[in-house]
């Protein structure tokens, strides 16, 4: 797999359905609205639907703050307005078609509370 350069990541790369491959929690993640996340769908209209212990919906946005940090940031806000958070994208990898190996895109996101998710894209 090849890592995509951070400045090349677009909302089109993020849009789609992703499953959680692995998860590392933090003691600071108490009452985290994505705790127990199993799948998340980033819709092209910048809404998201997350399946954890229940269904969580909200808005997402891809932000670039190159003057502060090279990594792009995903911001999340619940539709209820009751919670929001940000996650830094620490890796986005893909398999080029010319390699003729079927492998889904992979993304690692790290939240401000210390939680880290490894996601695999299962549907564009």
N, C-alpha and C. Protein backbone atom coordinates (compact mmCIF):
# COMPACT_ATOMS: atom_id res chain seq x y z
N UNK A 1 0.84 -1.17 0.00
CA UNK A 1 0.00 0.00 0.00
C UNK A 1 0.89 1.24 0.00
N UNK A 2 0.35 2.29 -0.57
CA UNK A 2 1.08 3.54 -0.68
C UNK A 2 0.34 4.60 0.14
N UNK A 3 1.08 5.36 0.93
CA UNK A 3 0.48 6.43 1.71
C UNK A 3 0.24 7.64 0.82
N UNK A 4 -0.94 8.18 0.90
CA UNK A 4 -1.30 9.39 0.17
C UNK A 4 -0.70 10.57 0.92
N UNK A 5 -0.14 11.53 0.17
CA UNK A 5 0.40 12.73 0.82
C UNK A 5 -0.75 13.49 1.47
N UNK A 6 -0.48 14.05 2.64
CA UNK A 6 -1.53 14.71 3.40
C UNK A 6 -2.23 15.81 2.60
N UNK A 7 -1.48 16.57 1.81
CA UNK A 7 -2.11 17.66 1.08
C UNK A 7 -2.90 17.19 -0.14
N UNK A 8 -2.86 15.89 -0.42
CA UNK A 8 -3.63 15.32 -1.53
C UNK A 8 -4.96 14.72 -1.08
N UNK A 9 -5.18 14.62 0.22
CA UNK A 9 -6.41 14.03 0.74
C UNK A 9 -7.56 15.02 0.54
N UNK A 10 -8.63 14.54 -0.08
CA UNK A 10 -9.79 15.37 -0.36
C UNK A 10 -11.03 14.76 0.29
N UNK A 11 -12.14 15.52 0.36
CA UNK A 11 -13.38 14.92 0.86
C UNK A 11 -13.80 13.68 0.06
N UNK A 12 -13.44 13.62 -1.21
CA UNK A 12 -13.75 12.44 -2.02
C UNK A 12 -13.07 11.19 -1.52
N UNK A 13 -11.88 11.32 -0.97
CA UNK A 13 -11.19 10.17 -0.39
C UNK A 13 -11.90 9.70 0.88
N UNK A 14 -12.40 10.65 1.66
CA UNK A 14 -13.04 10.33 2.93
C UNK A 14 -14.44 9.77 2.74
N UNK A 15 -15.18 10.29 1.77
CA UNK A 15 -16.57 9.85 1.54
C UNK A 15 -16.63 8.35 1.30
N UNK A 16 -17.60 7.72 1.93
CA UNK A 16 -17.81 6.28 1.78
C UNK A 16 -18.04 5.63 3.13
N UNK A 17 -18.19 4.32 3.08
CA UNK A 17 -18.45 3.53 4.29
C UNK A 17 -17.15 2.89 4.74
N UNK A 18 -16.86 3.02 6.03
CA UNK A 18 -15.63 2.51 6.62
C UNK A 18 -15.97 1.61 7.81
N UNK A 19 -15.19 0.54 7.97
CA UNK A 19 -15.35 -0.30 9.16
C UNK A 19 -14.11 -0.12 10.03
N UNK A 20 -14.31 -0.30 11.33
CA UNK A 20 -13.21 -0.19 12.28
C UNK A 20 -12.45 -1.51 12.28
N UNK A 21 -11.17 -1.43 11.98
CA UNK A 21 -10.30 -2.60 11.99
C UNK A 21 -9.68 -2.78 13.37
N UNK A 22 -9.28 -1.67 13.97
CA UNK A 22 -8.78 -1.73 15.34
C UNK A 22 -9.01 -0.37 15.99
N UNK A 23 -8.98 -0.42 17.32
CA UNK A 23 -9.31 0.76 18.11
C UNK A 23 -8.46 0.76 19.37
N UNK A 24 -7.92 1.93 19.68
CA UNK A 24 -7.16 2.07 20.92
C UNK A 24 -7.78 3.23 21.69
N UNK A 25 -8.24 2.94 22.88
CA UNK A 25 -8.92 3.94 23.70
C UNK A 25 -7.94 4.65 24.61
N UNK A 26 -8.43 5.71 25.19
CA UNK A 26 -7.65 6.49 26.15
C UNK A 26 -8.51 6.72 27.38
N UNK A 27 -7.87 6.89 28.51
CA UNK A 27 -8.62 7.17 29.73
C UNK A 27 -9.32 8.53 29.64
N UNK A 28 -8.85 9.39 28.74
CA UNK A 28 -9.48 10.70 28.54
C UNK A 28 -10.73 10.61 27.67
N UNK A 29 -11.06 9.43 27.14
CA UNK A 29 -12.18 9.26 26.22
C UNK A 29 -13.49 8.94 26.92
N UNK A 30 -13.61 9.32 28.17
CA UNK A 30 -14.82 9.05 28.92
C UNK A 30 -16.02 9.76 28.28
N UNK A 31 -17.11 9.04 28.11
CA UNK A 31 -18.35 9.56 27.49
C UNK A 31 -18.13 10.06 26.06
N UNK A 32 -17.21 9.44 25.35
CA UNK A 32 -16.91 9.81 23.97
C UNK A 32 -18.06 9.37 23.07
N UNK A 33 -18.57 10.25 22.24
CA UNK A 33 -19.76 9.94 21.44
C UNK A 33 -19.52 8.89 20.37
N UNK A 34 -18.27 8.56 20.07
CA UNK A 34 -17.99 7.49 19.10
C UNK A 34 -17.42 6.24 19.79
N UNK A 35 -17.54 6.16 21.09
CA UNK A 35 -17.08 4.98 21.83
C UNK A 35 -17.77 3.73 21.29
N UNK A 36 -17.01 2.69 21.06
CA UNK A 36 -17.58 1.44 20.55
C UNK A 36 -17.90 1.48 19.06
N UNK A 37 -17.34 2.44 18.35
CA UNK A 37 -17.60 2.58 16.92
C UNK A 37 -17.27 1.29 16.17
N UNK A 38 -18.20 0.87 15.31
CA UNK A 38 -18.00 -0.32 14.47
C UNK A 38 -17.89 0.06 13.00
N UNK A 39 -18.73 0.99 12.56
CA UNK A 39 -18.73 1.47 11.18
C UNK A 39 -19.09 2.95 11.17
N UNK A 40 -18.57 3.64 10.15
CA UNK A 40 -18.95 5.03 9.95
C UNK A 40 -19.05 5.30 8.46
N UNK A 41 -20.10 5.99 8.08
CA UNK A 41 -20.29 6.37 6.68
C UNK A 41 -20.18 7.88 6.60
N UNK A 42 -19.20 8.32 5.80
CA UNK A 42 -19.03 9.74 5.52
C UNK A 42 -19.76 10.02 4.21
N UNK A 43 -20.87 10.72 4.29
CA UNK A 43 -21.67 11.01 3.11
C UNK A 43 -21.10 12.21 2.36
N UNK A 44 -21.26 12.25 1.02
CA UNK A 44 -20.73 13.37 0.23
C UNK A 44 -21.33 14.73 0.63
N UNK A 45 -22.52 14.73 1.23
CA UNK A 45 -23.14 16.00 1.65
C UNK A 45 -22.62 16.48 3.01
N UNK A 46 -21.53 15.84 3.49
CA UNK A 46 -20.85 16.17 4.74
C UNK A 46 -21.64 15.81 5.99
N UNK A 47 -22.55 14.86 5.87
CA UNK A 47 -23.19 14.24 7.03
C UNK A 47 -22.47 12.92 7.28
N UNK A 48 -22.56 12.41 8.50
CA UNK A 48 -22.02 11.09 8.79
C UNK A 48 -23.05 10.29 9.58
N UNK A 49 -22.96 8.97 9.42
CA UNK A 49 -23.79 8.03 10.17
C UNK A 49 -22.82 7.03 10.79
N UNK A 50 -22.82 6.93 12.10
CA UNK A 50 -21.90 6.04 12.80
C UNK A 50 -22.69 4.99 13.57
N UNK A 51 -22.22 3.75 13.46
CA UNK A 51 -22.84 2.64 14.20
C UNK A 51 -21.90 2.27 15.33
N UNK A 52 -22.36 2.46 16.55
CA UNK A 52 -21.61 2.04 17.73
C UNK A 52 -22.57 1.24 18.59
N UNK A 53 -22.76 1.62 19.82
CA UNK A 53 -23.77 0.95 20.64
C UNK A 53 -25.17 1.34 20.16
N UNK A 54 -25.25 2.39 19.40
CA UNK A 54 -26.48 2.85 18.76
C UNK A 54 -26.09 3.57 17.49
N UNK A 55 -27.00 4.29 16.90
CA UNK A 55 -26.70 5.06 15.69
C UNK A 55 -26.47 6.52 16.10
N UNK A 56 -25.37 7.08 15.62
CA UNK A 56 -25.01 8.46 15.88
C UNK A 56 -24.93 9.18 14.54
N UNK A 57 -25.53 10.36 14.44
CA UNK A 57 -25.49 11.11 13.19
C UNK A 57 -24.97 12.52 13.44
N UNK A 58 -24.38 13.09 12.42
CA UNK A 58 -23.86 14.43 12.56
C UNK A 58 -23.26 14.93 11.27
N UNK A 59 -22.49 15.98 11.39
CA UNK A 59 -21.80 16.62 10.28
C UNK A 59 -20.31 16.37 10.41
N UNK A 60 -19.64 16.28 9.25
CA UNK A 60 -18.20 16.15 9.24
C UNK A 60 -17.63 17.15 8.25
N UNK A 61 -16.36 17.48 8.44
CA UNK A 61 -15.68 18.39 7.54
C UNK A 61 -14.20 18.07 7.54
N UNK A 62 -13.57 18.16 6.37
CA UNK A 62 -12.14 17.97 6.24
C UNK A 62 -11.49 19.34 6.28
N UNK A 63 -10.53 19.51 7.19
CA UNK A 63 -9.86 20.80 7.35
C UNK A 63 -8.36 20.63 7.12
N UNK A 64 -7.78 21.61 6.48
CA UNK A 64 -6.33 21.65 6.29
C UNK A 64 -5.81 22.89 7.03
N UNK A 65 -4.88 22.69 7.92
CA UNK A 65 -4.26 23.79 8.67
C UNK A 65 -2.75 23.70 8.48
N UNK A 66 -2.31 23.83 7.23
CA UNK A 66 -0.90 23.60 6.89
C UNK A 66 0.06 24.50 7.65
N UNK A 67 -0.40 25.69 8.02
CA UNK A 67 0.48 26.61 8.74
C UNK A 67 0.72 26.14 10.18
N UNK A 68 -0.15 25.24 10.67
CA UNK A 68 -0.03 24.73 12.04
C UNK A 68 0.53 23.31 12.05
N UNK A 69 -0.08 22.44 11.22
CA UNK A 69 0.30 21.03 11.18
C UNK A 69 0.02 20.48 9.79
N UNK A 70 0.87 19.58 9.34
CA UNK A 70 0.73 19.04 7.98
C UNK A 70 -0.48 18.11 7.85
N UNK A 71 -0.83 17.45 8.94
CA UNK A 71 -1.93 16.47 8.89
C UNK A 71 -3.28 17.15 8.71
N UNK A 72 -4.11 16.61 7.81
CA UNK A 72 -5.49 17.10 7.73
C UNK A 72 -6.28 16.67 8.97
N UNK A 73 -7.34 17.40 9.23
CA UNK A 73 -8.15 17.16 10.42
C UNK A 73 -9.60 16.94 10.00
N UNK A 74 -10.24 15.93 10.59
CA UNK A 74 -11.67 15.72 10.41
C UNK A 74 -12.37 16.31 11.62
N UNK A 75 -13.32 17.19 11.38
CA UNK A 75 -14.11 17.71 12.50
C UNK A 75 -15.47 17.05 12.46
N UNK A 76 -15.98 16.72 13.63
CA UNK A 76 -17.26 16.04 13.81
C UNK A 76 -18.15 16.88 14.70
N UNK A 77 -19.42 16.98 14.35
CA UNK A 77 -20.39 17.62 15.22
C UNK A 77 -21.70 16.84 15.14
N UNK A 78 -22.21 16.44 16.29
CA UNK A 78 -23.48 15.71 16.32
C UNK A 78 -24.60 16.63 15.88
N UNK A 79 -25.61 16.06 15.22
CA UNK A 79 -26.75 16.86 14.77
C UNK A 79 -27.49 17.49 15.93
N UNK A 80 -27.43 16.84 17.08
CA UNK A 80 -28.09 17.40 18.26
C UNK A 80 -27.32 18.59 18.83
N UNK A 81 -26.09 18.77 18.37
CA UNK A 81 -25.25 19.85 18.89
C UNK A 81 -24.68 19.56 20.26
N UNK A 82 -24.92 18.34 20.76
CA UNK A 82 -24.51 18.00 22.12
C UNK A 82 -23.04 17.63 22.24
N UNK A 83 -22.37 17.36 21.12
CA UNK A 83 -20.96 16.97 21.18
C UNK A 83 -20.27 17.28 19.87
N UNK A 84 -18.98 17.54 19.97
CA UNK A 84 -18.15 17.72 18.78
C UNK A 84 -16.73 17.31 19.14
N UNK A 85 -15.96 17.01 18.13
CA UNK A 85 -14.56 16.64 18.35
C UNK A 85 -13.83 16.74 17.03
N UNK A 86 -12.53 16.59 17.11
CA UNK A 86 -11.68 16.61 15.92
C UNK A 86 -10.77 15.41 15.95
N UNK A 87 -10.44 14.93 14.75
CA UNK A 87 -9.51 13.81 14.63
C UNK A 87 -8.47 14.13 13.56
N UNK A 88 -7.23 13.95 13.90
CA UNK A 88 -6.15 14.16 12.95
C UNK A 88 -5.97 12.88 12.12
N UNK A 89 -5.86 13.03 10.82
CA UNK A 89 -5.57 11.89 9.97
C UNK A 89 -4.06 11.66 10.02
N UNK A 90 -3.66 10.51 10.55
CA UNK A 90 -2.24 10.23 10.67
C UNK A 90 -1.73 9.34 9.54
N UNK A 91 -2.67 8.72 8.79
CA UNK A 91 -2.27 7.92 7.62
C UNK A 91 -3.48 7.68 6.75
N UNK A 92 -3.27 7.78 5.44
CA UNK A 92 -4.27 7.38 4.45
C UNK A 92 -3.50 6.59 3.40
N UNK A 93 -3.81 5.32 3.26
CA UNK A 93 -3.08 4.46 2.33
C UNK A 93 -4.05 3.81 1.35
N UNK A 94 -3.54 3.55 0.16
CA UNK A 94 -4.34 2.92 -0.89
C UNK A 94 -3.46 2.00 -1.71
N UNK A 95 -4.10 1.12 -2.47
CA UNK A 95 -3.38 0.22 -3.37
C UNK A 95 -3.64 0.68 -4.80
N UNK A 96 -2.60 1.11 -5.52
CA UNK A 96 -2.80 1.54 -6.90
C UNK A 96 -3.36 0.41 -7.76
N UNK A 97 -4.25 0.78 -8.69
CA UNK A 97 -4.90 -0.22 -9.55
C UNK A 97 -3.89 -1.02 -10.37
N UNK A 98 -2.79 -0.38 -10.77
CA UNK A 98 -1.81 -1.09 -11.62
C UNK A 98 -1.12 -2.24 -10.90
N UNK A 99 -1.22 -2.28 -9.57
CA UNK A 99 -0.64 -3.40 -8.81
C UNK A 99 -1.49 -4.65 -8.93
N UNK A 100 -2.73 -4.48 -9.37
CA UNK A 100 -3.67 -5.60 -9.56
C UNK A 100 -3.85 -6.44 -8.31
N UNK A 101 -3.80 -5.79 -7.17
CA UNK A 101 -4.04 -6.45 -5.88
C UNK A 101 -5.25 -5.76 -5.27
N UNK A 102 -6.26 -6.53 -4.93
CA UNK A 102 -7.49 -5.97 -4.34
C UNK A 102 -7.26 -5.71 -2.86
N UNK A 103 -7.17 -4.45 -2.52
CA UNK A 103 -6.98 -4.04 -1.12
C UNK A 103 -7.70 -2.73 -0.94
N UNK A 104 -8.52 -2.65 0.11
CA UNK A 104 -9.28 -1.44 0.39
C UNK A 104 -8.40 -0.35 0.98
N UNK A 105 -8.82 0.90 0.76
CA UNK A 105 -8.12 2.03 1.37
C UNK A 105 -8.16 1.89 2.89
N UNK A 106 -7.15 2.46 3.53
CA UNK A 106 -7.04 2.42 4.98
C UNK A 106 -6.75 3.83 5.49
N UNK A 107 -7.39 4.19 6.60
CA UNK A 107 -7.17 5.50 7.19
C UNK A 107 -7.03 5.35 8.70
N UNK A 108 -6.08 6.07 9.27
CA UNK A 108 -5.91 6.09 10.72
C UNK A 108 -6.23 7.50 11.19
N UNK A 109 -7.14 7.57 12.18
CA UNK A 109 -7.50 8.88 12.74
C UNK A 109 -7.25 8.87 14.24
N UNK A 110 -6.76 10.01 14.72
CA UNK A 110 -6.39 10.15 16.13
C UNK A 110 -7.16 11.34 16.69
N UNK A 111 -8.02 11.07 17.67
CA UNK A 111 -8.86 12.10 18.27
C UNK A 111 -8.12 12.86 19.36
N UNK A 112 -8.60 14.06 19.65
CA UNK A 112 -7.98 14.91 20.66
C UNK A 112 -8.02 14.28 22.05
N UNK A 113 -8.92 13.33 22.28
CA UNK A 113 -9.00 12.66 23.59
C UNK A 113 -8.05 11.47 23.69
N UNK A 114 -7.27 11.21 22.65
CA UNK A 114 -6.29 10.12 22.67
C UNK A 114 -6.77 8.82 22.05
N UNK A 115 -8.02 8.76 21.60
CA UNK A 115 -8.53 7.55 20.95
C UNK A 115 -8.00 7.48 19.52
N UNK A 116 -7.65 6.26 19.10
CA UNK A 116 -7.15 6.07 17.75
C UNK A 116 -7.94 4.96 17.07
N UNK A 117 -8.37 5.22 15.83
CA UNK A 117 -9.12 4.25 15.04
C UNK A 117 -8.38 3.94 13.76
N UNK A 118 -8.28 2.66 13.44
CA UNK A 118 -7.81 2.24 12.13
C UNK A 118 -9.05 1.82 11.36
N UNK A 119 -9.30 2.49 10.24
CA UNK A 119 -10.50 2.27 9.45
C UNK A 119 -10.16 1.69 8.09
N UNK A 120 -11.01 0.81 7.59
CA UNK A 120 -10.87 0.25 6.25
C UNK A 120 -12.11 0.61 5.45
N UNK A 121 -11.89 1.17 4.27
CA UNK A 121 -13.01 1.58 3.42
C UNK A 121 -13.64 0.34 2.79
N UNK A 122 -14.94 0.16 3.03
CA UNK A 122 -15.60 -1.03 2.51
C UNK A 122 -16.58 -0.70 1.40
N UNK A 123 -16.84 0.59 1.18
CA UNK A 123 -17.75 1.00 0.11
C UNK A 123 -17.48 2.45 -0.22
N UNK A 124 -17.26 2.71 -1.50
CA UNK A 124 -16.99 4.11 -1.93
C UNK A 124 -18.26 4.91 -1.95
